[in-house]
């Protein structure tokens, strides 16, 4: 994925230009005072990022309901 960098002020002043870049599949890194503060990314990349970030939460072939039940027990079961 091609990435561009823009300051927050530059992004604000040229939003249409950066919106077109994102719509064409590019990612924009937004900086303020020289530090990265966010990213402007295409919708498909956002969905992919969220899906990838959840990978590995369920261990093995666990079923979602089983995993939920197990985590609730761990969280709310009284400690002896």
PDB file of N, CA and C in Angstrom:
ATOM      1  N   UNK A   1       0.849  -1.177   0.000  1.00  0.00           N
ATOM      2  CA  UNK A   1       0.000   0.000   0.000  1.00  0.00           C
ATOM      3  C   UNK A   1       0.893   1.239   0.000  1.00  0.00           C
ATOM      4  N   UNK A   2       0.603   2.144  -0.878  1.00  0.00           N
ATOM      5  CA  UNK A   2       1.363   3.388  -0.972  1.00  0.00           C
ATOM      6  C   UNK A   2       0.910   4.310   0.157  1.00  0.00           C
ATOM      7  N   UNK A   3       1.857   4.928   0.815  1.00  0.00           N
ATOM      8  CA  UNK A   3       1.543   5.795   1.945  1.00  0.00           C
ATOM      9  C   UNK A   3       2.101   7.191   1.707  1.00  0.00           C
ATOM     10  N   UNK A   4       1.303   8.191   2.038  1.00  0.00           N
ATOM     11  CA  UNK A   4       1.745   9.584   1.990  1.00  0.00           C
ATOM     12  C   UNK A   4       1.685  10.131   3.412  1.00  0.00           C
ATOM     13  N   UNK A   5       2.404  11.191   3.666  1.00  0.00           N
ATOM     14  CA  UNK A   5       2.395  11.833   4.973  1.00  0.00           C
ATOM     15  C   UNK A   5       1.941  13.274   4.811  1.00  0.00           C
ATOM     16  N   UNK A   6       1.096  13.723   5.741  1.00  0.00           N
ATOM     17  CA  UNK A   6       0.608  15.103   5.708  1.00  0.00           C
ATOM     18  C   UNK A   6       0.462  15.611   7.135  1.00  0.00           C
ATOM     19  N   UNK A   7       0.754  16.885   7.326  1.00  0.00           N
ATOM     20  CA  UNK A   7       0.495  17.479   8.628  1.00  0.00           C
ATOM     21  C   UNK A   7      -1.012  17.664   8.772  1.00  0.00           C
ATOM     22  N   UNK A   8      -1.482  17.799   9.997  1.00  0.00           N
ATOM     23  CA  UNK A   8      -2.911  17.996  10.233  1.00  0.00           C
ATOM     24  C   UNK A   8      -3.402  19.247   9.517  1.00  0.00           C
ATOM     25  N   UNK A   9      -2.610  20.304   9.529  1.00  0.00           N
ATOM     26  CA  UNK A   9      -2.998  21.550   8.864  1.00  0.00           C
ATOM     27  C   UNK A   9      -3.068  21.358   7.357  1.00  0.00           C
ATOM     28  N   UNK A  10      -2.078  20.668   6.788  1.00  0.00           N
ATOM     29  CA  UNK A  10      -2.065  20.415   5.355  1.00  0.00           C
ATOM     30  C   UNK A  10      -3.269  19.563   4.950  1.00  0.00           C
ATOM     31  N   UNK A  11      -3.590  18.561   5.755  1.00  0.00           N
ATOM     32  CA  UNK A  11      -4.744  17.712   5.471  1.00  0.00           C
ATOM     33  C   UNK A  11      -6.033  18.535   5.512  1.00  0.00           C
ATOM     34  N   UNK A  12      -6.138  19.390   6.503  1.00  0.00           N
ATOM     35  CA  UNK A  12      -7.326  20.244   6.639  1.00  0.00           C
ATOM     36  C   UNK A  12      -7.453  21.195   5.441  1.00  0.00           C
ATOM     37  N   UNK A  13      -6.354  21.796   5.038  1.00  0.00           N
ATOM     38  CA  UNK A  13      -6.391  22.776   3.951  1.00  0.00           C
ATOM     39  C   UNK A  13      -6.553  22.150   2.566  1.00  0.00           C
ATOM     40  N   UNK A  14      -6.191  20.883   2.422  1.00  0.00           N
ATOM     41  CA  UNK A  14      -6.249  20.197   1.127  1.00  0.00           C
ATOM     42  C   UNK A  14      -7.020  18.895   1.232  1.00  0.00           C
ATOM     43  N   UNK A  15      -8.111  18.902   1.981  1.00  0.00           N
ATOM     44  CA  UNK A  15      -8.845  17.682   2.273  1.00  0.00           C
ATOM     45  C   UNK A  15      -9.278  16.949   1.000  1.00  0.00           C
ATOM     46  N   UNK A  16      -9.782  17.670   0.025  1.00  0.00           N
ATOM     47  CA  UNK A  16     -10.236  17.048  -1.222  1.00  0.00           C
ATOM     48  C   UNK A  16      -9.139  16.258  -1.906  1.00  0.00           C
ATOM     49  N   UNK A  17      -7.944  16.817  -1.931  1.00  0.00           N
ATOM     50  CA  UNK A  17      -6.800  16.140  -2.554  1.00  0.00           C
ATOM     51  C   UNK A  17      -6.494  14.831  -1.831  1.00  0.00           C
ATOM     52  N   UNK A  18      -6.450  14.889  -0.497  1.00  0.00           N
ATOM     53  CA  UNK A  18      -6.136  13.691   0.276  1.00  0.00           C
ATOM     54  C   UNK A  18      -7.281  12.685   0.238  1.00  0.00           C
ATOM     55  N   UNK A  19      -8.507  13.154   0.171  1.00  0.00           N
ATOM     56  CA  UNK A  19      -9.650  12.258   0.035  1.00  0.00           C
ATOM     57  C   UNK A  19      -9.539  11.471  -1.274  1.00  0.00           C
ATOM     58  N   UNK A  20      -9.160  12.136  -2.343  1.00  0.00           N
ATOM     59  CA  UNK A  20      -8.970  11.445  -3.625  1.00  0.00           C
ATOM     60  C   UNK A  20      -7.857  10.404  -3.538  1.00  0.00           C
ATOM     61  N   UNK A  21      -6.782  10.719  -2.829  1.00  0.00           N
ATOM     62  CA  UNK A  21      -5.700   9.747  -2.659  1.00  0.00           C
ATOM     63  C   UNK A  21      -6.194   8.506  -1.918  1.00  0.00           C
ATOM     64  N   UNK A  22      -6.967   8.717  -0.850  1.00  0.00           N
ATOM     65  CA  UNK A  22      -7.498   7.594  -0.077  1.00  0.00           C
ATOM     66  C   UNK A  22      -8.474   6.786  -0.924  1.00  0.00           C
ATOM     67  N   UNK A  23      -9.302   7.477  -1.697  1.00  0.00           N
ATOM     68  CA  UNK A  23     -10.260   6.785  -2.554  1.00  0.00           C
ATOM     69  C   UNK A  23      -9.555   5.953  -3.622  1.00  0.00           C
ATOM     70  N   UNK A  24      -8.335   6.324  -3.972  1.00  0.00           N
ATOM     71  CA  UNK A  24      -7.580   5.545  -4.958  1.00  0.00           C
ATOM     72  C   UNK A  24      -6.770   4.427  -4.299  1.00  0.00           C
ATOM     73  N   UNK A  25      -6.928   4.244  -2.980  1.00  0.00           N
ATOM     74  CA  UNK A  25      -6.285   3.136  -2.283  1.00  0.00           C
ATOM     75  C   UNK A  25      -5.074   3.480  -1.460  1.00  0.00           C
ATOM     76  N   UNK A  26      -4.711   4.752  -1.409  1.00  0.00           N
ATOM     77  CA  UNK A  26      -3.529   5.136  -0.639  1.00  0.00           C
ATOM     78  C   UNK A  26      -3.883   5.383   0.826  1.00  0.00           C
ATOM     79  N   UNK A  27      -2.886   5.293   1.668  1.00  0.00           N
ATOM     80  CA  UNK A  27      -3.018   5.559   3.092  1.00  0.00           C
ATOM     81  C   UNK A  27      -2.286   6.856   3.396  1.00  0.00           C
ATOM     82  N   UNK A  28      -2.884   7.713   4.198  1.00  0.00           N
ATOM     83  CA  UNK A  28      -2.275   8.987   4.573  1.00  0.00           C
ATOM     84  C   UNK A  28      -1.943   8.951   6.066  1.00  0.00           C
ATOM     85  N   UNK A  29      -0.685   9.161   6.395  1.00  0.00           N
ATOM     86  CA  UNK A  29      -0.259   9.274   7.783  1.00  0.00           C
ATOM     87  C   UNK A  29      -0.382  10.743   8.158  1.00  0.00           C
ATOM     88  N   UNK A  30      -1.118  11.027   9.225  1.00  0.00           N
ATOM     89  CA  UNK A  30      -1.347  12.410   9.660  1.00  0.00           C
ATOM     90  C   UNK A  30      -0.436  12.696  10.847  1.00  0.00           C
ATOM     91  N   UNK A  31       0.306  13.826  10.745  1.00  0.00           N
ATOM     92  CA  UNK A  31       1.212  14.207  11.827  1.00  0.00           C
ATOM     93  C   UNK A  31       0.818  15.559  12.407  1.00  0.00           C
ATOM     94  N   UNK A  32       1.187  15.756  13.645  1.00  0.00           N
ATOM     95  CA  UNK A  32       1.015  17.058  14.308  1.00  0.00           C
ATOM     96  C   UNK A  32       2.254  17.263  15.164  1.00  0.00           C
ATOM     97  N   UNK A  33       2.895  18.385  14.974  1.00  0.00           N
ATOM     98  CA  UNK A  33       4.144  18.687  15.684  1.00  0.00           C
ATOM     99  C   UNK A  33       5.176  17.571  15.500  1.00  0.00           C
ATOM    100  N   UNK A  34       5.218  17.003  14.286  1.00  0.00           N
ATOM    101  CA  UNK A  34       6.212  16.001  13.960  1.00  0.00           C
ATOM    102  C   UNK A  34       5.915  14.593  14.452  1.00  0.00           C
ATOM    103  N   UNK A  35       4.775  14.388  15.105  1.00  0.00           N
ATOM    104  CA  UNK A  35       4.426  13.067  15.640  1.00  0.00           C
ATOM    105  C   UNK A  35       3.200  12.525  14.914  1.00  0.00           C
ATOM    106  N   UNK A  36       3.215  11.227  14.623  1.00  0.00           N
ATOM    107  CA  UNK A  36       2.051  10.604  13.996  1.00  0.00           C
ATOM    108  C   UNK A  36       0.885  10.606  14.978  1.00  0.00           C
ATOM    109  N   UNK A  37      -0.251  11.120  14.516  1.00  0.00           N
ATOM    110  CA  UNK A  37      -1.441  11.177  15.374  1.00  0.00           C
ATOM    111  C   UNK A  37      -2.600  10.354  14.819  1.00  0.00           C
ATOM    112  N   UNK A  38      -2.496   9.919  13.570  1.00  0.00           N
ATOM    113  CA  UNK A  38      -3.565   9.124  12.998  1.00  0.00           C
ATOM    114  C   UNK A  38      -3.268   8.730  11.577  1.00  0.00           C
ATOM    115  N   UNK A  39      -4.202   7.973  11.019  1.00  0.00           N
ATOM    116  CA  UNK A  39      -4.082   7.530   9.629  1.00  0.00           C
ATOM    117  C   UNK A  39      -5.437   7.658   8.967  1.00  0.00           C
ATOM    118  N   UNK A  40      -5.412   8.053   7.735  1.00  0.00           N
ATOM    119  CA  UNK A  40      -6.594   8.202   6.898  1.00  0.00           C
ATOM    120  C   UNK A  40      -6.481   7.065   5.896  1.00  0.00           C
ATOM    121  N   UNK A  41      -7.332   6.024   6.031  1.00  0.00           N
ATOM    122  CA  UNK A  41      -7.169   4.823   5.221  1.00  0.00           C
ATOM    123  C   UNK A  41      -8.455   4.470   4.485  1.00  0.00           C
ATOM    124  N   UNK A  42      -8.334   3.749   3.369  1.00  0.00           N
ATOM    125  CA  UNK A  42      -9.524   3.327   2.630  1.00  0.00           C
ATOM    126  C   UNK A  42     -10.391   2.390   3.473  1.00  0.00           C
ATOM    127  N   UNK A  43     -11.684   2.386   3.200  1.00  0.00           N
ATOM    128  CA  UNK A  43     -12.632   1.571   3.954  1.00  0.00           C
ATOM    129  C   UNK A  43     -12.240   0.095   3.961  1.00  0.00           C
ATOM    130  N   UNK A  44     -11.874  -0.445   2.814  1.00  0.00           N
ATOM    131  CA  UNK A  44     -11.505  -1.862   2.745  1.00  0.00           C
ATOM    132  C   UNK A  44     -10.313  -2.173   3.637  1.00  0.00           C
ATOM    133  N   UNK A  45      -9.373  -1.266   3.709  1.00  0.00           N
ATOM    134  CA  UNK A  45      -8.205  -1.470   4.561  1.00  0.00           C
ATOM    135  C   UNK A  45      -8.612  -1.432   6.030  1.00  0.00           C
ATOM    136  N   UNK A  46      -9.570  -0.582   6.375  1.00  0.00           N
ATOM    137  CA  UNK A  46     -10.030  -0.489   7.762  1.00  0.00           C
ATOM    138  C   UNK A  46     -10.691  -1.788   8.188  1.00  0.00           C
ATOM    139  N   UNK A  47     -11.547  -2.343   7.340  1.00  0.00           N
ATOM    140  CA  UNK A  47     -12.213  -3.603   7.653  1.00  0.00           C
ATOM    141  C   UNK A  47     -11.180  -4.714   7.792  1.00  0.00           C
ATOM    142  N   UNK A  48     -10.218  -4.764   6.876  1.00  0.00           N
ATOM    143  CA  UNK A  48      -9.169  -5.767   6.923  1.00  0.00           C
ATOM    144  C   UNK A  48      -8.336  -5.613   8.196  1.00  0.00           C
ATOM    145  N   UNK A  49      -8.016  -4.381   8.560  1.00  0.00           N
ATOM    146  CA  UNK A  49      -7.220  -4.127   9.763  1.00  0.00           C
ATOM    147  C   UNK A  49      -7.951  -4.619  11.002  1.00  0.00           C
ATOM    148  N   UNK A  50      -9.245  -4.319  11.110  1.00  0.00           N
ATOM    149  CA  UNK A  50     -10.010  -4.751  12.274  1.00  0.00           C
ATOM    150  C   UNK A  50     -10.104  -6.269  12.345  1.00  0.00           C
ATOM    151  N   UNK A  51     -10.325  -6.904  11.213  1.00  0.00           N
ATOM    152  CA  UNK A  51     -10.393  -8.370  11.171  1.00  0.00           C
ATOM    153  C   UNK A  51      -9.061  -8.968  11.584  1.00  0.00           C
ATOM    154  N   UNK A  52      -7.975  -8.448  11.036  1.00  0.00           N
ATOM    155  CA  UNK A  52      -6.646  -8.964  11.368  1.00  0.00           C
ATOM    156  C   UNK A  52      -6.319  -8.755  12.847  1.00  0.00           C
ATOM    157  N   UNK A  53      -6.782  -7.656  13.421  1.00  0.00           N
ATOM    158  CA  UNK A  53      -6.471  -7.384  14.826  1.00  0.00           C
ATOM    159  C   UNK A  53      -7.194  -8.342  15.763  1.00  0.00           C
ATOM    160  N   UNK A  54      -8.281  -8.958  15.292  1.00  0.00           N
ATOM    161  CA  UNK A  54      -9.021  -9.916  16.115  1.00  0.00           C
ATOM    162  C   UNK A  54      -8.510 -11.340  15.954  1.00  0.00           C
ATOM    163  N   UNK A  55      -7.671 -11.580  14.964  1.00  0.00           N
ATOM    164  CA  UNK A  55      -7.137 -12.918  14.731  1.00  0.00           C
ATOM    165  C   UNK A  55      -6.361 -13.377  15.955  1.00  0.00           C
ATOM    166  N   UNK A  56      -6.613 -14.586  16.376  1.00  0.00           N
ATOM    167  CA  UNK A  56      -5.884 -15.151  17.510  1.00  0.00           C
ATOM    168  C   UNK A  56      -6.596 -14.994  18.832  1.00  0.00           C
ATOM    169  N   UNK A  57      -7.717 -14.292  18.868  1.00  0.00           N
ATOM    170  CA  UNK A  57      -8.444 -14.156  20.131  1.00  0.00           C
ATOM    171  C   UNK A  57      -9.011 -15.501  20.560  1.00  0.00           C
ATOM    172  N   UNK A  58      -9.565 -16.224  19.601  1.00  0.00           N
ATOM    173  CA  UNK A  58     -10.071 -17.559  19.898  1.00  0.00           C
ATOM    174  C   UNK A  58      -8.945 -18.557  19.686  1.00  0.00           C
ATOM    175  N   UNK A  59      -8.704 -19.386  20.666  1.00  0.00           N
ATOM    176  CA  UNK A  59      -7.623 -20.363  20.578  1.00  0.00           C
ATOM    177  C   UNK A  59      -8.152 -21.657  19.973  1.00  0.00           C
ATOM    178  N   UNK A  60      -7.366 -22.282  19.136  1.00  0.00           N
ATOM    179  CA  UNK A  60      -7.728 -23.564  18.553  1.00  0.00           C
ATOM    180  C   UNK A  60      -9.012 -23.484  17.759  1.00  0.00           C
ATOM    181  N   UNK A  61      -9.861 -24.468  17.920  1.00  0.00           N
ATOM    182  CA  UNK A  61     -11.121 -24.524  17.197  1.00  0.00           C
ATOM    183  C   UNK A  61     -12.296 -24.173  18.097  1.00  0.00           C
ATOM    184  N   UNK A  62     -12.076 -23.341  19.066  1.00  0.00           N
ATOM    185  CA  UNK A  62     -13.120 -22.984  20.022  1.00  0.00           C
ATOM    186  C   UNK A  62     -14.311 -22.349  19.325  1.00  0.00           C
ATOM    187  N   UNK A  63     -15.461 -22.662  19.810  1.00  0.00           N
ATOM    188  CA  UNK A  63     -16.680 -22.049  19.309  1.00  0.00           C
ATOM    189  C   UNK A  63     -16.849 -20.700  19.998  1.00  0.00           C
ATOM    190  N   UNK A  64     -17.464 -19.763  19.315  1.00  0.00           N
ATOM    191  CA  UNK A  64     -17.633 -18.425  19.857  1.00  0.00           C
ATOM    192  C   UNK A  64     -18.405 -18.449  21.171  1.00  0.00           C
ATOM    193  N   UNK A  65     -19.509 -19.208  21.229  1.00  0.00           N
ATOM    194  CA  UNK A  65     -20.309 -19.265  22.456  1.00  0.00           C
ATOM    195  C   UNK A  65     -19.520 -19.859  23.613  1.00  0.00           C
ATOM    196  N   UNK A  66     -18.725 -20.898  23.322  1.00  0.00           N
ATOM    197  CA  UNK A  66     -17.894 -21.506  24.367  1.00  0.00           C
ATOM    198  C   UNK A  66     -16.862 -20.514  24.880  1.00  0.00           C
ATOM    199  N   UNK A  67     -16.217 -19.810  23.965  1.00  0.00           N
ATOM    200  CA  UNK A  67     -15.198 -18.833  24.349  1.00  0.00           C
ATOM    201  C   UNK A  67     -15.821 -17.717  25.183  1.00  0.00           C
ATOM    202  N   UNK A  68     -17.005 -17.263  24.782  1.00  0.00           N
ATOM    203  CA  UNK A  68     -17.695 -16.200  25.519  1.00  0.00           C
ATOM    204  C   UNK A  68     -18.025 -16.675  26.927  1.00  0.00           C
ATOM    205  N   UNK A  69     -18.571 -17.875  27.034  1.00  0.00           N
ATOM    206  CA  UNK A  69     -18.927 -18.429  28.330  1.00  0.00           C
ATOM    207  C   UNK A  69     -17.706 -18.567  29.230  1.00  0.00           C
ATOM    208  N   UNK A  70     -16.621 -19.049  28.638  1.00  0.00           N
ATOM    209  CA  UNK A  70     -15.383 -19.229  29.392  1.00  0.00           C
ATOM    210  C   UNK A  70     -14.852 -17.897  29.915  1.00  0.00           C
ATOM    211  N   UNK A  71     -14.846 -16.885  29.064  1.00  0.00           N
ATOM    212  CA  UNK A  71     -14.344 -15.567  29.481  1.00  0.00           C
ATOM    213  C   UNK A  71     -15.241 -14.932  30.541  1.00  0.00           C
ATOM    214  N   UNK A  72     -16.549 -15.129  30.428  1.00  0.00           N
ATOM    215  CA  UNK A  72     -17.456 -14.592  31.441  1.00  0.00           C
ATOM    216  C   UNK A  72     -17.234 -15.279  32.782  1.00  0.00           C
ATOM    217  N   UNK A  73     -17.002 -16.602  32.764  1.00  0.00           N
ATOM    218  CA  UNK A  73     -16.717 -17.324  34.004  1.00  0.00           C
ATOM    219  C   UNK A  73     -15.457 -16.768  34.651  1.00  0.00           C
ATOM    220  N   UNK A  74     -14.408 -16.599  33.835  1.00  0.00           N
ATOM    221  CA  UNK A  74     -13.142 -16.078  34.357  1.00  0.00           C
ATOM    222  C   UNK A  74     -13.316 -14.703  34.973  1.00  0.00           C
ATOM    223  N   UNK A  75     -14.146 -13.889  34.328  1.00  0.00           N
ATOM    224  CA  UNK A  75     -14.297 -12.508  34.762  1.00  0.00           C
ATOM    225  C   UNK A  75     -15.184 -12.385  35.999  1.00  0.00           C
ATOM    226  N   UNK A  76     -16.272 -13.179  36.062  1.00  0.00           N
ATOM    227  CA  UNK A  76     -17.269 -12.964  37.097  1.00  0.00           C
ATOM    228  C   UNK A  76     -17.355 -14.063  38.150  1.00  0.00           C
ATOM    229  N   UNK A  77     -16.621 -15.159  37.985  1.00  0.00           N
ATOM    230  CA  UNK A  77     -16.676 -16.229  38.947  1.00  0.00           C
ATOM    231  C   UNK A  77     -15.980 -15.786  40.229  1.00  0.00           C
ATOM    232  N   UNK A  78     -16.578 -16.117  41.345  1.00  0.00           N
ATOM    233  CA  UNK A  78     -16.013 -15.726  42.648  1.00  0.00           C
ATOM    234  C   UNK A  78     -14.680 -16.433  42.873  1.00  0.00           C
ATOM    235  N   UNK A  79     -13.741 -15.699  43.415  1.00  0.00           N
ATOM    236  CA  UNK A  79     -12.421 -16.272  43.735  1.00  0.00           C
ATOM    237  C   UNK A  79     -12.493 -16.847  45.118  1.00  0.00           C
ATOM    238  N   UNK A  80     -12.050 -18.108  45.267  1.00  0.00           N
ATOM    239  CA  UNK A  80     -12.076 -18.770  46.592  1.00  0.00           C
ATOM    240  C   UNK A  80     -10.927 -18.334  47.447  1.00  0.00           C
TER     241      UNK A  80
END
